[in-house]
């Protein structure tokens, strides 16, 4: 028997039901789909103003969040003594410096900032036309 999604041989069976049809999938694909459903169900939409959006997209905001992140690693300039090969300095982030990503260590703080900005926009009477999905 083969998985309906990945077409691999099924060792442990998982079931997916859509409408009246039932599909047999491998356990791995069933777990992936279960996680995807959790993510889509728990998303929250917040409306903010253009001013708040420009603040969230500013370099200062990104630097403040990513600069203090524990998952942000910095590799300095290095020169290998034996080969003479030079390694350029660079930074790495599991979320590719995408603040608010599910892989971002600062996601909870980002959500708080967005919700606070939405409240401030509401109090100030600004048009809130930009949708941010948390």
Protein backbone atom coordinates (compact mmCIF):
# COMPACT_ATOMS: atom_id res chain seq x y z
CA UNK A 1 0.00 0.00 0.00
CA UNK A 2 1.32 3.50 -0.90
CA UNK A 3 0.79 6.90 0.72
CA UNK A 4 -1.69 9.13 -1.12
CA UNK A 5 0.53 12.21 -0.58
CA UNK A 6 4.20 11.16 -0.85
CA UNK A 7 3.69 7.83 -2.67
CA UNK A 8 6.06 6.04 -0.28
CA UNK A 9 5.29 2.58 1.03
CA UNK A 10 3.11 2.77 4.14
CA UNK A 11 4.54 1.14 7.24
CA UNK A 12 2.38 2.90 9.82
CA UNK A 13 -1.04 4.01 8.61
CA UNK A 14 -2.58 7.42 9.17
CA UNK A 15 -5.99 8.38 7.78
CA UNK A 16 -7.13 11.63 6.22
CA UNK A 17 -10.83 12.23 5.65
CA UNK A 18 -12.06 14.94 3.31
CA UNK A 19 -15.80 15.06 2.84
CA UNK A 20 -16.96 11.52 2.13
CA UNK A 21 -13.58 10.30 0.84
CA UNK A 22 -10.96 8.70 3.07
CA UNK A 23 -7.32 8.60 1.99
CA UNK A 24 -4.63 6.35 3.40
CA UNK A 25 -1.43 8.22 4.13
CA UNK A 26 1.78 7.33 5.91
CA UNK A 27 2.15 8.35 9.54
CA UNK A 28 4.73 11.03 8.65
CA UNK A 29 2.38 12.80 6.21
CA UNK A 30 -0.50 12.50 8.69
CA UNK A 31 1.62 14.18 11.39
CA UNK A 32 2.70 16.96 9.00
CA UNK A 33 -0.91 17.63 8.04
CA UNK A 34 -1.96 17.65 11.70
CA UNK A 35 0.69 20.30 12.47
CA UNK A 36 -0.41 22.35 9.44
CA UNK A 37 -4.01 22.31 10.67
CA UNK A 38 -2.91 23.47 14.13
CA UNK A 39 -0.98 26.36 12.59
CA UNK A 40 -3.84 27.49 10.35
CA UNK A 41 -6.40 27.26 13.13
CA UNK A 42 -4.40 29.25 15.69
CA UNK A 43 -3.57 32.19 13.39
CA UNK A 44 -4.86 35.56 14.49
CA UNK A 45 -5.49 38.58 12.25
CA UNK A 46 -4.71 42.07 13.52
CA UNK A 47 -5.44 45.32 11.67
CA UNK A 48 -2.88 48.13 11.96
CA UNK A 49 -2.37 51.51 10.32
CA UNK A 50 0.15 52.35 7.60
CA UNK A 51 2.20 54.22 10.21
CA UNK A 52 2.41 51.12 12.40
CA UNK A 53 3.35 48.99 9.40
CA UNK A 54 6.19 51.32 8.46
CA UNK A 55 7.42 51.14 12.07
CA UNK A 56 7.31 47.33 12.02
CA UNK A 57 9.24 47.26 8.74
CA UNK A 58 11.88 49.77 9.83
CA UNK A 59 15.54 48.81 10.09
CA UNK A 60 15.69 50.04 13.69
CA UNK A 61 12.86 47.71 14.71
CA UNK A 62 14.47 44.72 12.98
CA UNK A 63 17.85 45.52 14.50
CA UNK A 64 16.35 45.80 17.99
CA UNK A 65 14.61 42.43 17.70
CA UNK A 66 17.27 40.45 15.83
CA UNK A 67 20.20 42.08 17.64
CA UNK A 68 19.08 40.77 21.04
CA UNK A 69 17.83 37.40 19.84
CA UNK A 70 19.46 34.36 21.48
CA UNK A 71 19.17 32.35 18.23
CA UNK A 72 20.99 34.96 16.14
CA UNK A 73 24.57 33.77 15.66
CA UNK A 74 27.40 35.93 14.39
CA UNK A 75 30.48 34.46 12.73
CA UNK A 76 33.36 36.99 12.68
CA UNK A 77 35.99 37.41 9.99
CA UNK A 78 38.51 34.56 10.10
CA UNK A 79 41.61 33.54 8.25
CA UNK A 80 42.73 29.92 8.22
CA UNK A 81 46.43 29.89 9.14
CA UNK A 82 47.20 26.71 7.18
CA UNK A 83 45.31 27.33 3.91
CA UNK A 84 45.09 31.12 4.00
CA UNK A 85 41.38 30.87 3.20
CA UNK A 86 39.35 33.85 4.38
CA UNK A 87 35.89 33.46 5.89
CA UNK A 88 33.78 36.60 5.63
CA UNK A 89 31.76 37.69 8.67
CA UNK A 90 28.09 36.75 8.53
CA UNK A 91 25.01 36.27 10.69
CA UNK A 92 22.68 33.28 10.74
CA UNK A 93 19.11 32.98 11.95
CA UNK A 94 16.82 29.90 11.86
CA UNK A 95 13.96 32.17 10.74
CA UNK A 96 16.07 33.92 8.05
CA UNK A 97 15.59 37.20 9.94
CA UNK A 98 11.83 37.07 9.34
CA UNK A 99 10.37 38.56 12.53
CA UNK A 100 7.09 36.88 13.40
CA UNK A 101 7.96 33.65 11.62
CA UNK A 102 7.05 30.43 13.42
CA UNK A 103 10.77 29.67 13.72
CA UNK A 104 11.57 33.07 15.27
CA UNK A 105 12.59 33.05 18.94
CA UNK A 106 11.12 36.54 19.37
CA UNK A 107 7.68 35.70 17.92
CA UNK A 108 5.81 36.15 21.23
CA UNK A 109 7.33 39.61 21.76
CA UNK A 110 6.53 40.53 18.14
CA UNK A 111 2.88 39.56 18.65
CA UNK A 112 2.70 41.75 21.77
CA UNK A 113 4.16 44.72 19.87
CA UNK A 114 1.70 44.28 16.98
CA UNK A 115 -1.29 44.03 19.34
CA UNK A 116 -0.10 47.11 21.26
CA UNK A 117 0.29 49.07 18.02
CA UNK A 118 -3.21 48.01 16.96
CA UNK A 119 -4.60 49.32 20.26
CA UNK A 120 -2.67 52.58 19.87
CA UNK A 121 -4.02 53.00 16.32
CA UNK A 122 -7.54 52.43 17.61
CA UNK A 123 -7.11 54.98 20.42
CA UNK A 124 -5.65 57.55 18.00
CA UNK A 125 -8.48 57.01 15.53
CA UNK A 126 -6.15 56.02 12.67
CA UNK A 127 -7.44 53.98 9.73
CA UNK A 128 -6.43 50.39 10.27
CA UNK A 129 -6.31 48.89 6.79
CA UNK A 130 -3.22 46.66 6.91
CA UNK A 131 -3.86 43.06 7.96
CA UNK A 132 -1.10 41.26 9.85
CA UNK A 133 -1.52 37.54 10.44
CA UNK A 134 0.10 36.32 13.65
